[in-house]
Amino acid sequence: MNDENQAADKRVKVLYVFAALPVGGAEEVLITEVEGLDKTRFDPLVCVLSEKGPVGEGIERRGFPVAALHRMKHHRFDSRIVRDLYRLIKTEKVDVVHTHLYDGNKYGRLAAGLARVPVLISHYHNVYAGRRIKYHLINRVLSTLNDRILAVSQAVKESVVRYDRISPGKIEVLYNGIDPSKFKGNFKESRVRQKFGVKPEDFLVGIVARLEEQKGHIYLFKALRQLMPDFSQIKVLVVGDGTLRSALESRAMEMGLSEQVLFAGTRKDIPEI
């Protein structure tokens, strides 16, 4: 075995576990993290419990392996996912398992615990104050398998401590990393206004986030409605998609904001807008 292969064999194998890879903040963080790893020290592998999707395929185009289990066909617990993950961990001789979001954390922790992985890290991205108690109990029990839990903000950490009743000493706050170089010199306001039909005299506000409850779009709409009587020349550009797309469009119409709120959907040109 030559020196190059010996060096590669000594790298730490890191497995990232996601239930799905839609376009979103957590997935963007994954791309940034994988690309930023020191490849002489770490060997990353991404596993998605469902399908690769556009984000998974994009990661592969960047030269990183993505394994899709083609599961998650329903919301019931599926022991086959644990089995498939366990086999992947053993086959790839994984050193670190880094799980993300609820289902990724649930299945990833179970498989990693059974496989006795040396290091298990789980990542929490959202505040789930309104979830049924069983979800918090599952998180609490499975957290005993973790070496460390990461929260993307202090608010998320406080939520995990309060609702999942996990010791704060086990949780570290790690803010999402963003590559600022992508945003240098790409933004031209006039081009954005022309693209979305916004007049030069209109005050333009933008929000980039998945259309989900925890992102709080409705509070922006309520604030906009309060401003309307005295400040009618304002537009809000909503960039992103999600399960609340139809509901938010209907709510904007009910609030009389259909002319002010512009839904742009999922975009690949975020730095430009």
Protein backbone atom coordinates (compact mmCIF):
# COMPACT_ATOMS: atom_id res chain seq x y z
CA MET A 1 0.00 0.00 0.00
CA ASN A 2 1.48 3.36 -0.99
CA ASP A 3 1.71 6.40 1.30
CA GLU A 4 -1.27 8.12 -0.35
CA ASN A 5 -3.58 5.17 0.29
CA GLN A 6 -2.30 4.80 3.85
CA ALA A 7 -3.08 8.48 4.49
CA ALA A 8 -6.57 8.05 3.04
CA ASP A 9 -7.21 5.02 5.28
CA LYS A 10 -6.42 7.11 8.37
CA ARG A 11 -9.07 9.69 7.56
CA VAL A 12 -12.10 9.94 9.85
CA LYS A 13 -15.21 8.59 8.12
CA VAL A 14 -18.14 10.94 8.78
CA LEU A 15 -21.70 9.89 7.92
CA TYR A 16 -24.33 12.62 7.62
CA VAL A 17 -27.92 11.34 7.98
CA PHE A 18 -30.95 13.19 6.60
CA ALA A 19 -34.50 11.90 6.10
CA ALA A 20 -34.78 13.91 2.88
CA LEU A 21 -32.80 16.56 1.01
CA PRO A 22 -35.21 19.24 -0.18
CA VAL A 23 -34.00 22.76 -0.89
CA GLY A 24 -33.67 24.39 2.53
CA GLY A 25 -31.41 25.92 5.14
CA ALA A 26 -30.30 22.70 6.82
CA GLU A 27 -29.40 21.22 3.45
CA GLU A 28 -27.42 24.32 2.48
CA VAL A 29 -25.50 24.01 5.75
CA LEU A 30 -24.74 20.40 4.85
CA ILE A 31 -23.27 21.43 1.49
CA THR A 32 -21.17 24.16 3.10
CA GLU A 33 -19.91 21.80 5.81
CA VAL A 34 -19.03 18.93 3.47
CA GLU A 35 -17.20 21.25 1.11
CA GLY A 36 -15.35 22.89 3.98
CA LEU A 37 -14.03 19.72 5.59
CA ASP A 38 -10.30 19.10 5.51
CA LYS A 39 -10.23 16.18 3.04
CA THR A 40 -6.83 15.05 4.31
CA ARG A 41 -8.42 14.37 7.71
CA PHE A 42 -12.07 13.58 7.00
CA ASP A 43 -13.90 11.36 4.52
CA PRO A 44 -17.57 12.48 4.27
CA LEU A 45 -20.52 10.34 3.20
CA VAL A 46 -24.11 11.60 3.01
CA CYS A 47 -27.04 9.25 3.56
CA VAL A 48 -30.63 10.23 2.77
CA LEU A 49 -33.37 7.93 4.03
CA SER A 50 -35.64 8.70 1.07
CA GLU A 51 -34.51 9.86 -2.38
CA LYS A 52 -31.45 11.91 -3.31
CA GLY A 53 -33.43 14.76 -4.80
CA PRO A 54 -31.87 17.86 -6.36
CA VAL A 55 -29.72 18.65 -3.33
CA GLY A 56 -28.33 15.11 -3.12
CA GLU A 57 -27.57 15.10 -6.82
CA GLY A 58 -25.89 18.47 -6.44
CA ILE A 59 -23.67 17.11 -3.66
CA GLU A 60 -22.69 14.21 -5.91
CA ARG A 61 -21.77 16.62 -8.71
CA ARG A 62 -19.41 18.28 -6.24
CA GLY A 63 -17.63 14.96 -5.91
CA PHE A 64 -19.04 13.63 -2.64
CA PRO A 65 -20.83 10.27 -2.31
CA VAL A 66 -24.54 10.17 -1.46
CA ALA A 67 -26.33 6.96 -0.44
CA ALA A 68 -30.12 6.87 -0.80
CA LEU A 69 -32.09 4.23 1.12
CA HIS A 70 -35.35 4.86 -0.82
CA ARG A 71 -37.40 4.52 2.35
CA MET A 72 -39.63 7.00 4.24
CA LYS A 73 -42.70 6.10 2.19
CA HIS A 74 -44.95 6.75 5.20
CA HIS A 75 -44.77 8.28 8.67
CA ARG A 76 -44.96 4.99 10.58
CA PHE A 77 -41.81 3.68 12.19
CA ASP A 78 -39.86 1.52 9.73
CA SER A 79 -37.31 -0.87 11.25
CA ARG A 80 -35.86 -1.50 7.79
CA ILE A 81 -34.37 1.99 7.87
CA VAL A 82 -32.48 1.16 11.06
CA ARG A 83 -31.29 -2.10 9.49
CA ASP A 84 -30.14 -0.39 6.27
CA LEU A 85 -28.35 2.37 8.17
CA TYR A 86 -26.68 -0.17 10.45
CA ARG A 87 -25.37 -2.09 7.43
CA LEU A 88 -24.12 1.13 5.80
CA ILE A 89 -22.29 2.16 8.98
CA LYS A 90 -20.61 -1.23 9.28
CA THR A 91 -19.76 -1.54 5.58
CA GLU A 92 -18.27 1.94 5.39
CA LYS A 93 -16.53 1.62 8.78
CA VAL A 94 -17.98 4.93 9.94
CA ASP A 95 -16.23 6.75 12.79
CA VAL A 96 -18.66 9.66 13.29
CA VAL A 97 -22.41 9.76 12.67
CA HIS A 98 -23.88 13.26 12.38
CA THR A 99 -27.69 13.19 12.22
CA HIS A 100 -30.03 16.05 11.28
CA LEU A 101 -33.68 16.98 11.89
CA TYR A 102 -36.27 14.81 13.63
CA ASP A 103 -36.46 11.66 11.48
CA GLY A 104 -32.77 11.75 10.60
CA ASN A 105 -31.99 12.07 14.31
CA LYS A 106 -34.40 9.27 15.28
CA TYR A 107 -33.26 6.62 12.81
CA GLY A 108 -29.63 7.73 12.77
CA ARG A 109 -29.26 7.54 16.54
CA LEU A 110 -30.84 4.09 16.72
CA ALA A 111 -28.57 2.68 14.00
CA ALA A 112 -25.44 4.36 15.37
CA GLY A 113 -26.19 3.09 18.86
CA LEU A 114 -26.63 -0.48 17.64
CA ALA A 115 -23.43 -0.21 15.59
CA ARG A 116 -21.53 1.26 18.55
CA VAL A 117 -20.17 4.14 16.51
CA PRO A 118 -17.34 5.93 18.36
CA VAL A 119 -18.91 9.40 18.04
CA LEU A 120 -22.60 10.30 17.62
CA ILE A 121 -23.73 13.89 17.09
CA SER A 122 -27.30 15.03 16.49
CA HIS A 123 -28.25 18.41 15.05
CA TYR A 124 -31.40 20.31 16.00
CA HIS A 125 -32.54 23.00 13.56
CA ASN A 126 -36.00 24.06 14.77
CA VAL A 127 -38.10 24.94 17.80
CA TYR A 128 -40.87 22.37 18.23
CA ALA A 129 -42.84 23.77 21.16
CA GLY A 130 -46.21 22.56 19.86
CA ARG A 131 -45.35 18.93 19.17
CA ARG A 132 -47.05 16.02 20.88
CA ILE A 133 -45.34 14.75 24.00
CA LYS A 134 -44.30 11.45 22.38
CA TYR A 135 -41.87 13.28 20.09
CA HIS A 136 -40.18 14.93 23.06
CA LEU A 137 -40.02 11.60 24.92
CA ILE A 138 -38.39 9.93 21.91
CA ASN A 139 -35.82 12.72 21.67
CA ARG A 140 -35.12 12.51 25.38
CA VAL A 141 -34.59 8.73 25.39
CA LEU A 142 -32.46 8.72 22.23
CA SER A 143 -30.34 11.61 23.48
CA THR A 144 -28.75 9.17 25.95
CA LEU A 145 -26.92 7.70 22.94
CA ASN A 146 -25.43 11.06 21.95
CA ASP A 147 -21.92 12.26 22.65
CA ARG A 148 -23.04 15.76 21.76
CA ILE A 149 -26.13 17.62 20.53
CA LEU A 150 -25.84 20.72 18.36
CA ALA A 151 -28.46 23.48 18.25
CA VAL A 152 -28.47 26.13 15.52
CA SER A 153 -29.38 28.92 17.96
CA GLN A 154 -29.77 29.69 21.64
CA ALA A 155 -33.55 29.59 21.20
CA VAL A 156 -33.35 26.06 19.79
CA LYS A 157 -31.12 24.98 22.68
CA GLU A 158 -33.55 26.40 25.22
CA SER A 159 -36.41 24.59 23.47
CA VAL A 160 -34.56 21.26 23.59
CA VAL A 161 -33.78 21.72 27.28
CA ARG A 162 -37.34 22.74 28.13
CA TYR A 163 -39.40 20.34 26.04
CA ASP A 164 -37.10 17.33 25.54
CA ARG A 165 -35.64 17.75 29.05
CA ILE A 166 -32.08 17.17 27.89
CA SER A 167 -29.21 18.44 30.02
CA PRO A 168 -27.94 21.83 28.76
CA GLY A 169 -24.39 20.60 29.34
CA LYS A 170 -24.82 18.12 26.49
CA ILE A 171 -25.90 20.78 24.00
CA GLU A 172 -23.67 23.20 22.11
CA VAL A 173 -24.94 26.15 20.07
CA LEU A 174 -23.43 26.10 16.59
CA TYR A 175 -24.74 28.81 14.30
CA ASN A 176 -25.26 27.94 10.65
CA GLY A 177 -22.22 28.64 8.52
CA ILE A 178 -22.74 30.62 5.33
CA ASP A 179 -20.17 31.20 2.61
CA PRO A 180 -20.25 35.01 2.17
CA SER A 181 -18.16 34.92 -1.02
CA LYS A 182 -21.25 33.80 -2.98
CA PHE A 183 -22.96 37.11 -2.25
CA LYS A 184 -20.16 39.47 -3.25
CA GLY A 185 -20.92 41.60 -6.28
CA ASN A 186 -23.92 39.56 -7.48
CA PHE A 187 -26.80 41.71 -6.23
CA LYS A 188 -28.30 44.40 -8.46
CA GLU A 189 -31.47 45.90 -7.08
CA SER A 190 -32.75 47.15 -10.43
CA ARG A 191 -32.49 43.65 -11.90
CA VAL A 192 -34.46 42.16 -8.99
CA ARG A 193 -37.18 44.78 -9.32
CA GLN A 194 -37.48 44.16 -13.04
CA LYS A 195 -37.59 40.37 -12.58
CA PHE A 196 -40.48 40.52 -10.11
CA GLY A 197 -42.32 43.56 -11.45
CA VAL A 198 -41.58 45.87 -8.54
CA LYS A 199 -41.71 49.61 -9.26
CA PRO A 200 -38.67 51.79 -8.46
CA GLU A 201 -40.73 53.81 -5.95
CA ASP A 202 -41.89 50.74 -4.01
CA PHE A 203 -40.15 49.79 -0.78
CA LEU A 204 -39.04 46.17 -1.21
CA VAL A 205 -38.64 43.68 1.65
CA GLY A 206 -37.47 40.10 1.17
CA ILE A 207 -37.56 36.87 3.17
CA VAL A 208 -35.77 33.66 2.18
CA ALA A 209 -37.03 30.61 4.08
CA ARG A 210 -39.02 27.42 3.73
CA LEU A 211 -42.75 28.02 3.98
CA GLU A 212 -43.20 26.28 7.31
CA GLU A 213 -44.82 27.38 10.56
CA GLN A 214 -41.57 27.85 12.49
CA LYS A 215 -40.34 30.42 9.97
CA GLY A 216 -43.05 32.86 11.06
CA HIS A 217 -44.18 34.29 7.71
CA ILE A 218 -47.57 35.09 9.19
CA TYR A 219 -46.00 37.61 11.59
CA LEU A 220 -44.46 39.44 8.65
CA PHE A 221 -47.87 39.52 6.96
CA LYS A 222 -49.49 40.93 10.11
CA ALA A 223 -46.82 43.62 10.38
CA LEU A 224 -47.32 44.48 6.71
CA ARG A 225 -51.08 44.85 7.18
CA GLN A 226 -50.50 47.28 10.05
CA LEU A 227 -48.26 49.38 7.83
CA MET A 228 -50.60 49.46 4.86
CA PRO A 229 -52.86 52.40 5.88
CA ASP A 230 -49.89 54.78 6.11
CA PHE A 231 -47.37 53.07 3.84
CA SER A 232 -49.05 51.42 0.88
CA GLN A 233 -46.06 51.41 -1.47
CA ILE A 234 -44.41 48.34 -0.02
CA LYS A 235 -43.81 44.89 -1.47
CA VAL A 236 -42.71 41.69 0.26
CA LEU A 237 -40.84 39.11 -1.81
CA VAL A 238 -41.30 35.64 -0.32
CA VAL A 239 -38.61 33.28 -1.59
CA GLY A 240 -38.93 29.57 -0.84
CA ASP A 241 -41.49 26.79 -0.85
CA GLY A 242 -42.96 24.36 1.63
CA THR A 243 -46.07 22.71 3.01
CA LEU A 244 -47.70 26.06 3.88
CA ARG A 245 -47.46 27.54 0.37
CA SER A 246 -51.20 27.33 -0.39
CA ALA A 247 -52.22 28.33 3.13
CA LEU A 248 -49.97 31.41 3.11
CA GLU A 249 -51.19 32.46 -0.33
CA SER A 250 -54.78 32.18 0.89
CA ARG A 251 -53.97 34.05 4.09
CA ALA A 252 -52.32 36.89 2.18
CA MET A 253 -55.44 37.20 0.02
CA GLU A 254 -57.76 37.16 3.06
CA MET A 255 -55.68 39.91 4.65
CA GLY A 256 -55.91 42.04 1.52
CA LEU A 257 -52.22 41.68 0.75
CA SER A 258 -52.33 39.80 -2.55
CA GLU A 259 -50.91 42.83 -4.38
CA GLN A 260 -48.18 43.40 -1.81
CA VAL A 261 -46.92 39.84 -1.20
CA LEU A 262 -45.06 38.21 -4.09
CA PHE A 263 -44.42 34.46 -3.88
CA ALA A 264 -41.25 33.60 -5.82
CA GLY A 265 -41.09 29.87 -4.98
CA THR A 266 -37.84 27.93 -4.82
CA ARG A 267 -34.96 29.80 -6.45
CA LYS A 268 -31.42 28.82 -7.37
CA ASP A 269 -30.30 32.43 -7.80
CA ILE A 270 -30.43 33.52 -4.16
CA PRO A 271 -27.16 35.51 -4.32
CA GLU A 272 -28.60 37.53 -7.21
CA ILE A 273 -31.80 38.43 -5.36
